[in-house]
Amino acid sequence: MNLQLNRPIACVDLETTGISITQDRIVEISIIKVHPNQDTEIRTRRINPGIPIPAEASAVHGIFDKDVENEPSFKSLANGIKQFLENCDLCGFNSNKFDFPILTEEFLRAGLEVDFRDRHLVDVQQIFFKKEPRNLAAAYQFYCNKELINSHSAEADALATIEILDAQIKRYDDLQNDVAALALFSKGDDFLDYSRRIKLVNKVPVFNFGKYKDKPVQEILQKEPQYYDWMMKGDFALDTKNVLTKLYHQMIFKK
């Protein structure tokens, strides 16, 4: 590979019951872990989501209820997945907006505190969109001159993604061959939570949705503390609620 690594990087791809971070669940996970010496480990596992898989989701990834009825729950696998990702930077395709938020939510539901904020998160899709705006199959064809077989199979997508990232490093001379720089290039705005409900603007946390969009979080919570209660009871990701609680406590202790 062309990618220079100071520590392992894990490419994560998920197949899920849908696209809701709070309501949907993982049905398949594949992790391609590349070490600095280029040794590679692949772990792929189907998961019983504990809820029915909608027909529209099965039509995309080809996984049906019967395929996962005897598979383990995420909770039973969570600790092993956490250990496998330990000390790894992470990459994926549309991972900053989808895979990492859903994965974090599954960990929190399983009772495990997993925080990827101290990792470098490289979103290959964002590099691709900024360089050659298309989708994963087109990216694979463009960068690797290969047809993506078994698209929407977690392992096939993850393998294609890590191969695309390697090809991007080779193709673009101005793309710094460093995981930290790649994470910075691909991340976009600074968000405090994986669901992108709270972002940093000039180092100030502001809401990124609803009637208080672009308003400072702590200013709103101070004027309208019931908004905190509403969010804590609402259909927001557990990670978002954790971030909101930390900001709320910081505001209280400053008084």
C-alpha atoms as a PDB file:
ATOM      1  CA  MET A   1       0.000   0.000   0.000  1.00  0.00           C
ATOM      2  CA  ASN A   2       0.978   3.634  -0.516  1.00  0.00           C
ATOM      3  CA  LEU A   3      -0.674   4.766   2.708  1.00  0.00           C
ATOM      4  CA  GLN A   4       1.826   5.687   5.435  1.00  0.00           C
ATOM      5  CA  LEU A   5       0.689   4.558   8.868  1.00  0.00           C
ATOM      6  CA  ASN A   6       1.937   5.376  12.340  1.00  0.00           C
ATOM      7  CA  ARG A   7      -0.658   3.104  13.909  1.00  0.00           C
ATOM      8  CA  PRO A   8      -3.241   0.665  12.504  1.00  0.00           C
ATOM      9  CA  ILE A   9      -6.131   1.962  10.447  1.00  0.00           C
ATOM     10  CA  ALA A  10      -9.455   0.098  10.450  1.00  0.00           C
ATOM     11  CA  CYS A  11     -11.808   0.412   7.499  1.00  0.00           C
ATOM     12  CA  VAL A  12     -15.384  -0.096   8.701  1.00  0.00           C
ATOM     13  CA  ASP A  13     -18.458  -0.831   6.619  1.00  0.00           C
ATOM     14  CA  LEU A  14     -21.936  -1.568   7.959  1.00  0.00           C
ATOM     15  CA  GLU A  15     -25.106  -2.989   6.515  1.00  0.00           C
ATOM     16  CA  THR A  16     -28.137  -1.945   8.538  1.00  0.00           C
ATOM     17  CA  THR A  17     -31.906  -2.125   8.849  1.00  0.00           C
ATOM     18  CA  GLY A  18     -32.150   1.453   7.599  1.00  0.00           C
ATOM     19  CA  ILE A  19     -30.582   4.898   7.773  1.00  0.00           C
ATOM     20  CA  SER A  20     -31.847   6.185  11.124  1.00  0.00           C
ATOM     21  CA  ILE A  21     -28.996   6.506  13.612  1.00  0.00           C
ATOM     22  CA  THR A  22     -31.329   6.181  16.593  1.00  0.00           C
ATOM     23  CA  GLN A  23     -33.834   3.607  15.349  1.00  0.00           C
ATOM     24  CA  ASP A  24     -31.970   1.284  12.988  1.00  0.00           C
ATOM     25  CA  ARG A  25     -29.542  -1.515  13.789  1.00  0.00           C
ATOM     26  CA  ILE A  26     -26.502  -3.240  12.283  1.00  0.00           C
ATOM     27  CA  VAL A  27     -27.067  -6.521  10.427  1.00  0.00           C
ATOM     28  CA  GLU A  28     -23.520  -6.972   9.120  1.00  0.00           C
ATOM     29  CA  ILE A  29     -20.170  -5.437  10.005  1.00  0.00           C
ATOM     30  CA  SER A  30     -16.857  -5.783   8.226  1.00  0.00           C
ATOM     31  CA  ILE A  31     -13.583  -4.346   9.500  1.00  0.00           C
ATOM     32  CA  ILE A  32     -10.397  -4.341   7.417  1.00  0.00           C
ATOM     33  CA  LYS A  33      -7.513  -3.592   9.791  1.00  0.00           C
ATOM     34  CA  VAL A  34      -4.208  -2.586   8.187  1.00  0.00           C
ATOM     35  CA  HIS A  35      -1.108  -2.404  10.386  1.00  0.00           C
ATOM     36  CA  PRO A  36       1.883  -0.092   9.810  1.00  0.00           C
ATOM     37  CA  ASN A  37       3.872  -3.103   8.541  1.00  0.00           C
ATOM     38  CA  GLN A  38       1.040  -3.653   5.997  1.00  0.00           C
ATOM     39  CA  ASP A  39      -0.232  -6.838   7.666  1.00  0.00           C
ATOM     40  CA  THR A  40      -3.996  -7.009   7.190  1.00  0.00           C
ATOM     41  CA  GLU A  41      -6.729  -8.552   9.309  1.00  0.00           C
ATOM     42  CA  ILE A  42     -10.320  -8.961   8.124  1.00  0.00           C
ATOM     43  CA  ARG A  43     -13.271  -9.573  10.396  1.00  0.00           C
ATOM     44  CA  THR A  44     -16.767  -9.845   8.958  1.00  0.00           C
ATOM     45  CA  ARG A  45     -19.830 -10.848  10.940  1.00  0.00           C
ATOM     46  CA  ARG A  46     -23.567 -10.860  10.471  1.00  0.00           C
ATOM     47  CA  ILE A  47     -25.578  -9.682  13.451  1.00  0.00           C
ATOM     48  CA  ASN A  48     -29.105 -10.278  14.652  1.00  0.00           C
ATOM     49  CA  PRO A  49     -30.475  -6.727  14.939  1.00  0.00           C
ATOM     50  CA  GLY A  50     -33.281  -7.717  17.280  1.00  0.00           C
ATOM     51  CA  ILE A  51     -35.816  -5.994  15.023  1.00  0.00           C
ATOM     52  CA  PRO A  52     -37.278  -6.954  11.623  1.00  0.00           C
ATOM     53  CA  ILE A  53     -35.245  -6.018   8.566  1.00  0.00           C
ATOM     54  CA  PRO A  54     -37.460  -3.928   6.250  1.00  0.00           C
ATOM     55  CA  ALA A  55     -37.926  -5.241   2.732  1.00  0.00           C
ATOM     56  CA  GLU A  56     -36.427  -2.066   1.259  1.00  0.00           C
ATOM     57  CA  ALA A  57     -33.233  -2.577   3.273  1.00  0.00           C
ATOM     58  CA  SER A  58     -33.008  -6.257   2.267  1.00  0.00           C
ATOM     59  CA  ALA A  59     -33.424  -5.201  -1.362  1.00  0.00           C
ATOM     60  CA  VAL A  60     -30.224  -3.137  -1.005  1.00  0.00           C
ATOM     61  CA  HIS A  61     -27.898  -5.509   0.874  1.00  0.00           C
ATOM     62  CA  GLY A  62     -29.583  -8.898   0.322  1.00  0.00           C
ATOM     63  CA  ILE A  63     -29.760  -9.804   4.010  1.00  0.00           C
ATOM     64  CA  PHE A  64     -33.118 -11.057   5.282  1.00  0.00           C
ATOM     65  CA  ASP A  65     -34.495 -11.918   8.726  1.00  0.00           C
ATOM     66  CA  LYS A  66     -33.872 -15.636   8.144  1.00  0.00           C
ATOM     67  CA  ASP A  67     -30.213 -14.937   7.387  1.00  0.00           C
ATOM     68  CA  VAL A  68     -29.553 -13.461  10.825  1.00  0.00           C
ATOM     69  CA  GLU A  69     -32.061 -15.240  13.084  1.00  0.00           C
ATOM     70  CA  ASN A  70     -29.312 -17.477  14.537  1.00  0.00           C
ATOM     71  CA  GLU A  71     -26.593 -14.812  14.577  1.00  0.00           C
ATOM     72  CA  PRO A  72     -25.420 -13.123  17.816  1.00  0.00           C
ATOM     73  CA  SER A  73     -26.628  -9.718  18.975  1.00  0.00           C
ATOM     74  CA  PHE A  74     -24.362  -6.691  18.744  1.00  0.00           C
ATOM     75  CA  LYS A  75     -24.248  -6.540  22.542  1.00  0.00           C
ATOM     76  CA  SER A  76     -22.679  -9.994  22.718  1.00  0.00           C
ATOM     77  CA  LEU A  77     -20.013  -8.955  20.163  1.00  0.00           C
ATOM     78  CA  ALA A  78     -19.479  -5.384  21.336  1.00  0.00           C
ATOM     79  CA  ASN A  79     -16.503  -5.926  23.627  1.00  0.00           C
ATOM     80  CA  GLY A  80     -14.628  -7.951  21.003  1.00  0.00           C
ATOM     81  CA  ILE A  81     -15.270  -5.287  18.344  1.00  0.00           C
ATOM     82  CA  LYS A  82     -14.136  -2.565  20.733  1.00  0.00           C
ATOM     83  CA  GLN A  83     -10.884  -4.415  21.459  1.00  0.00           C
ATOM     84  CA  PHE A  84     -10.264  -5.033  17.744  1.00  0.00           C
ATOM     85  CA  LEU A  85     -10.591  -1.279  17.077  1.00  0.00           C
ATOM     86  CA  GLU A  86      -8.393  -0.308  20.030  1.00  0.00           C
ATOM     87  CA  ASN A  87      -5.586   2.139  19.087  1.00  0.00           C
ATOM     88  CA  CYS A  88      -6.799   2.297  15.467  1.00  0.00           C
ATOM     89  CA  ASP A  89      -7.500   5.271  13.292  1.00  0.00           C
ATOM     90  CA  LEU A  90     -10.657   4.696  11.272  1.00  0.00           C
ATOM     91  CA  CYS A  91     -11.758   5.070   7.694  1.00  0.00           C
ATOM     92  CA  GLY A  92     -14.836   4.314   5.660  1.00  0.00           C
ATOM     93  CA  PHE A  93     -17.065   5.499   2.821  1.00  0.00           C
ATOM     94  CA  ASN A  94     -19.604   8.082   4.052  1.00  0.00           C
ATOM     95  CA  SER A  95     -18.478   6.865   7.463  1.00  0.00           C
ATOM     96  CA  ASN A  96     -18.428  10.202   9.294  1.00  0.00           C
ATOM     97  CA  LYS A  97     -22.134  10.717   8.619  1.00  0.00           C
ATOM     98  CA  PHE A  98     -23.335   7.103   8.752  1.00  0.00           C
ATOM     99  CA  ASP A  99     -21.133   4.188   9.855  1.00  0.00           C
ATOM    100  CA  PHE A 100     -19.375   5.779  12.838  1.00  0.00           C
ATOM    101  CA  PRO A 101     -22.532   7.373  14.312  1.00  0.00           C
ATOM    102  CA  ILE A 102     -24.515   4.119  14.078  1.00  0.00           C
ATOM    103  CA  LEU A 103     -21.597   2.060  15.401  1.00  0.00           C
ATOM    104  CA  THR A 104     -21.186   4.439  18.342  1.00  0.00           C
ATOM    105  CA  GLU A 105     -24.908   4.237  19.066  1.00  0.00           C
ATOM    106  CA  GLU A 106     -24.771   0.430  19.109  1.00  0.00           C
ATOM    107  CA  PHE A 107     -21.855   0.521  21.563  1.00  0.00           C
ATOM    108  CA  LEU A 108     -23.736   2.904  23.854  1.00  0.00           C
ATOM    109  CA  ARG A 109     -26.867   0.730  23.746  1.00  0.00           C
ATOM    110  CA  ALA A 110     -24.638  -2.206  24.726  1.00  0.00           C
ATOM    111  CA  GLY A 111     -23.405  -0.240  27.745  1.00  0.00           C
ATOM    112  CA  LEU A 112     -19.900   0.411  26.423  1.00  0.00           C
ATOM    113  CA  GLU A 113     -18.365   3.884  26.373  1.00  0.00           C
ATOM    114  CA  VAL A 114     -16.537   4.126  23.058  1.00  0.00           C
ATOM    115  CA  ASP A 115     -15.222   7.503  21.983  1.00  0.00           C
ATOM    116  CA  PHE A 116     -13.610   7.846  18.565  1.00  0.00           C
ATOM    117  CA  ARG A 117     -12.895  11.547  19.025  1.00  0.00           C
ATOM    118  CA  ASP A 118      -9.265  10.840  19.861  1.00  0.00           C
ATOM    119  CA  ARG A 119      -8.868   8.950  16.565  1.00  0.00           C
ATOM    120  CA  HIS A 120      -8.301  10.235  13.063  1.00  0.00           C
ATOM    121  CA  LEU A 121     -11.470   9.565  11.040  1.00  0.00           C
ATOM    122  CA  VAL A 122     -10.846   9.438   7.303  1.00  0.00           C
ATOM    123  CA  ASP A 123     -13.980   9.599   5.170  1.00  0.00           C
ATOM    124  CA  VAL A 124     -12.970   8.312   1.743  1.00  0.00           C
ATOM    125  CA  GLN A 125     -16.258   9.529   0.274  1.00  0.00           C
ATOM    126  CA  GLN A 126     -15.458  13.125   1.214  1.00  0.00           C
ATOM    127  CA  ILE A 127     -12.031  12.886  -0.434  1.00  0.00           C
ATOM    128  CA  PHE A 128     -13.745  11.409  -3.473  1.00  0.00           C
ATOM    129  CA  PHE A 129     -16.487  14.062  -3.562  1.00  0.00           C
ATOM    130  CA  LYS A 130     -13.921  16.842  -3.314  1.00  0.00           C
ATOM    131  CA  LYS A 131     -11.782  15.309  -6.046  1.00  0.00           C
ATOM    132  CA  GLU A 132     -14.169  13.305  -8.276  1.00  0.00           C
ATOM    133  CA  PRO A 133     -17.840  13.614  -7.194  1.00  0.00           C
ATOM    134  CA  ARG A 134     -19.484  10.164  -7.701  1.00  0.00           C
ATOM    135  CA  ASN A 135     -20.469   7.018  -5.724  1.00  0.00           C
ATOM    136  CA  LEU A 136     -18.554   3.984  -4.406  1.00  0.00           C
ATOM    137  CA  ALA A 137     -18.909   1.839  -7.530  1.00  0.00           C
ATOM    138  CA  ALA A 138     -17.832   4.744  -9.744  1.00  0.00           C
ATOM    139  CA  ALA A 139     -14.958   5.506  -7.372  1.00  0.00           C
ATOM    140  CA  TYR A 140     -13.771   1.898  -7.586  1.00  0.00           C
ATOM    141  CA  GLN A 141     -13.957   2.007 -11.381  1.00  0.00           C
ATOM    142  CA  PHE A 142     -12.256   5.409 -11.559  1.00  0.00           C
ATOM    143  CA  TYR A 143      -9.396   4.801  -9.131  1.00  0.00           C
ATOM    144  CA  CYS A 144      -8.853   1.050  -9.440  1.00  0.00           C
ATOM    145  CA  ASN A 145     -10.245   0.349 -12.923  1.00  0.00           C
ATOM    146  CA  LYS A 146     -12.323  -2.479 -11.464  1.00  0.00           C
ATOM    147  CA  GLU A 147     -16.007  -3.322 -11.332  1.00  0.00           C
ATOM    148  CA  LEU A 148     -17.413  -3.513  -7.805  1.00  0.00           C
ATOM    149  CA  ILE A 149     -18.825  -7.022  -7.424  1.00  0.00           C
ATOM    150  CA  ASN A 150     -21.233  -7.754  -4.539  1.00  0.00           C
ATOM    151  CA  SER A 151     -21.894  -4.079  -3.916  1.00  0.00           C
ATOM    152  CA  HIS A 152     -23.645  -3.561  -0.560  1.00  0.00           C
ATOM    153  CA  SER A 153     -21.932  -6.603   0.880  1.00  0.00           C
ATOM    154  CA  ALA A 154     -20.135  -5.125   3.892  1.00  0.00           C
ATOM    155  CA  GLU A 155     -16.843  -6.928   3.221  1.00  0.00           C
ATOM    156  CA  ALA A 156     -16.824  -6.163  -0.513  1.00  0.00           C
ATOM    157  CA  ASP A 157     -17.551  -2.492   0.156  1.00  0.00           C
ATOM    158  CA  ALA A 158     -14.917  -2.257   2.896  1.00  0.00           C
ATOM    159  CA  LEU A 159     -12.273  -3.954   0.721  1.00  0.00           C
ATOM    160  CA  ALA A 160     -13.096  -1.612  -2.154  1.00  0.00           C
ATOM    161  CA  THR A 161     -12.945   1.410   0.137  1.00  0.00           C
ATOM    162  CA  ILE A 162      -9.483   0.654   1.532  1.00  0.00           C
ATOM    163  CA  GLU A 163      -8.244  -0.029  -2.017  1.00  0.00           C
ATOM    164  CA  ILE A 164      -9.675   3.306  -3.202  1.00  0.00           C
ATOM    165  CA  LEU A 165      -7.983   5.159  -0.343  1.00  0.00           C
ATOM    166  CA  ASP A 166      -4.670   3.593  -1.305  1.00  0.00           C
ATOM    167  CA  ALA A 167      -5.208   4.604  -4.951  1.00  0.00           C
ATOM    168  CA  GLN A 168      -6.126   8.162  -3.932  1.00  0.00           C
ATOM    169  CA  ILE A 169      -2.797   8.520  -2.119  1.00  0.00           C
ATOM    170  CA  LYS A 170      -0.975   7.379  -5.224  1.00  0.00           C
ATOM    171  CA  ARG A 171      -3.003   9.541  -7.628  1.00  0.00           C
ATOM    172  CA  TYR A 172      -2.990  12.958  -5.952  1.00  0.00           C
ATOM    173  CA  ASP A 173       0.434  14.488  -5.321  1.00  0.00           C
ATOM    174  CA  ASP A 174      -1.123  17.291  -3.272  1.00  0.00           C
ATOM    175  CA  LEU A 175      -2.958  14.852  -0.982  1.00  0.00           C
ATOM    176  CA  GLN A 176      -0.733  14.483   2.065  1.00  0.00           C
ATOM    177  CA  ASN A 177       0.136  10.863   2.841  1.00  0.00           C
ATOM    178  CA  ASP A 178      -0.694  11.098   6.507  1.00  0.00           C
ATOM    179  CA  VAL A 179      -3.774   9.783   8.321  1.00  0.00           C
ATOM    180  CA  ALA A 180      -4.176  12.943  10.415  1.00  0.00           C
ATOM    181  CA  ALA A 181      -4.086  15.126   7.288  1.00  0.00           C
ATOM    182  CA  LEU A 182      -6.488  12.832   5.453  1.00  0.00           C
ATOM    183  CA  ALA A 183      -8.920  12.969   8.371  1.00  0.00           C
ATOM    184  CA  LEU A 184      -8.728  16.771   8.371  1.00  0.00           C
ATOM    185  CA  PHE A 185      -9.230  16.923   4.591  1.00  0.00           C
ATOM    186  CA  SER A 186     -12.271  14.633   4.635  1.00  0.00           C
ATOM    187  CA  LYS A 187     -14.131  15.678   7.766  1.00  0.00           C
ATOM    188  CA  GLY A 188     -15.784  18.965   6.726  1.00  0.00           C
ATOM    189  CA  ASP A 189     -17.275  20.994   9.585  1.00  0.00           C
ATOM    190  CA  ASP A 190     -16.352  20.368  13.227  1.00  0.00           C
ATOM    191  CA  PHE A 191     -19.108  18.457  15.005  1.00  0.00           C
ATOM    192  CA  LEU A 192     -19.177  17.482  18.665  1.00  0.00           C
ATOM    193  CA  ASP A 193     -21.575  14.573  18.139  1.00  0.00           C
ATOM    194  CA  TYR A 194     -21.646  11.899  15.467  1.00  0.00           C
ATOM    195  CA  SER A 195     -25.224  12.728  14.454  1.00  0.00           C
ATOM    196  CA  ARG A 196     -24.114  16.273  13.599  1.00  0.00           C
ATOM    197  CA  ARG A 197     -26.716  17.973  15.760  1.00  0.00           C
ATOM    198  CA  ILE A 198     -24.130  20.152  17.537  1.00  0.00           C
ATOM    199  CA  LYS A 199     -21.213  21.760  15.741  1.00  0.00           C
ATOM    200  CA  LEU A 200     -18.380  24.125  16.583  1.00  0.00           C
ATOM    201  CA  VAL A 201     -18.369  27.598  15.077  1.00  0.00           C
ATOM    202  CA  ASN A 202     -15.361  29.652  16.139  1.00  0.00           C
ATOM    203  CA  LYS A 203     -14.916  27.161  18.995  1.00  0.00           C
ATOM    204  CA  VAL A 204     -18.480  27.785  20.242  1.00  0.00           C
ATOM    205  CA  PRO A 205     -20.936  24.826  20.286  1.00  0.00           C
ATOM    206  CA  VAL A 206     -24.073  25.703  18.298  1.00  0.00           C
ATOM    207  CA  PHE A 207     -27.180  23.762  17.374  1.00  0.00           C
ATOM    208  CA  ASN A 208     -27.217  22.424  13.830  1.00  0.00           C
ATOM    209  CA  PHE A 209     -30.964  21.802  13.522  1.00  0.00           C
ATOM    210  CA  GLY A 210     -34.418  23.086  14.400  1.00  0.00           C
ATOM    211  CA  LYS A 211     -35.613  26.476  15.562  1.00  0.00           C
ATOM    212  CA  TYR A 212     -32.292  27.233  17.272  1.00  0.00           C
ATOM    213  CA  LYS A 213     -30.077  26.296  14.345  1.00  0.00           C
ATOM    214  CA  ASP A 214     -26.784  28.238  14.483  1.00  0.00           C
ATOM    215  CA  LYS A 215     -27.571  29.477  18.008  1.00  0.00           C
ATOM    216  CA  PRO A 216     -25.060  28.817  20.845  1.00  0.00           C
ATOM    217  CA  VAL A 217     -26.086  25.723  22.786  1.00  0.00           C
ATOM    218  CA  GLN A 218     -25.283  27.006  26.261  1.00  0.00           C
ATOM    219  CA  GLU A 219     -26.961  30.346  25.593  1.00  0.00           C
ATOM    220  CA  ILE A 220     -30.192  28.570  24.615  1.00  0.00           C
ATOM    221  CA  LEU A 221     -30.032  26.148  27.536  1.00  0.00           C
ATOM    222  CA  GLN A 222     -29.562  29.041  29.930  1.00  0.00           C
ATOM    223  CA  LYS A 223     -32.551  30.948  28.541  1.00  0.00           C
ATOM    224  CA  GLU A 224     -34.719  27.884  27.956  1.00  0.00           C
ATOM    225  CA  PRO A 225     -33.629  24.956  30.196  1.00  0.00           C
ATOM    226  CA  GLN A 226     -36.726  22.977  29.205  1.00  0.00           C
ATOM    227  CA  TYR A 227     -35.142  22.601  25.753  1.00  0.00           C
ATOM    228  CA  TYR A 228     -32.557  20.330  27.378  1.00  0.00           C
ATOM    229  CA  ASP A 229     -35.335  18.188  28.869  1.00  0.00           C
ATOM    230  CA  TRP A 230     -37.089  18.045  25.513  1.00  0.00           C
ATOM    231  CA  MET A 231     -33.960  16.802  23.759  1.00  0.00           C
ATOM    232  CA  MET A 232     -33.169  14.254  26.454  1.00  0.00           C
ATOM    233  CA  LYS A 233     -36.649  12.759  26.077  1.00  0.00           C
ATOM    234  CA  GLY A 234     -36.678  13.051  22.290  1.00  0.00           C
ATOM    235  CA  ASP A 235     -35.572  10.816  19.442  1.00  0.00           C
ATOM    236  CA  PHE A 236     -31.939  11.902  19.502  1.00  0.00           C
ATOM    237  CA  ALA A 237     -28.855   9.675  19.477  1.00  0.00           C
ATOM    238  CA  LEU A 238     -27.453   8.684  22.857  1.00  0.00           C
ATOM    239  CA  ASP A 239     -24.134  10.206  21.834  1.00  0.00           C
ATOM    240  CA  THR A 240     -25.864  13.538  21.113  1.00  0.00           C
ATOM    241  CA  LYS A 241     -27.531  13.426  24.519  1.00  0.00           C
ATOM    242  CA  ASN A 242     -24.183  12.707  26.185  1.00  0.00           C
ATOM    243  CA  VAL A 243     -22.571  15.701  24.471  1.00  0.00           C
ATOM    244  CA  LEU A 244     -25.535  17.920  25.344  1.00  0.00           C
ATOM    245  CA  THR A 245     -25.348  16.826  28.990  1.00  0.00           C
ATOM    246  CA  LYS A 246     -21.642  17.697  29.191  1.00  0.00           C
ATOM    247  CA  LEU A 247     -22.345  21.164  27.771  1.00  0.00           C
ATOM    248  CA  TYR A 248     -25.266  21.594  30.169  1.00  0.00           C
ATOM    249  CA  HIS A 249     -23.118  20.648  33.157  1.00  0.00           C
ATOM    250  CA  GLN A 250     -20.352  22.994  32.036  1.00  0.00           C
ATOM    251  CA  MET A 251     -22.905  25.811  31.912  1.00  0.00           C
ATOM    252  CA  ILE A 252     -24.211  25.004  35.406  1.00  0.00           C
ATOM    253  CA  PHE A 253     -20.769  24.798  36.985  1.00  0.00           C
ATOM    254  CA  LYS A 254     -19.773  28.152  35.467  1.00  0.00           C
ATOM    255  CA  LYS A 255     -22.542  29.890  37.385  1.00  0.00           C
END
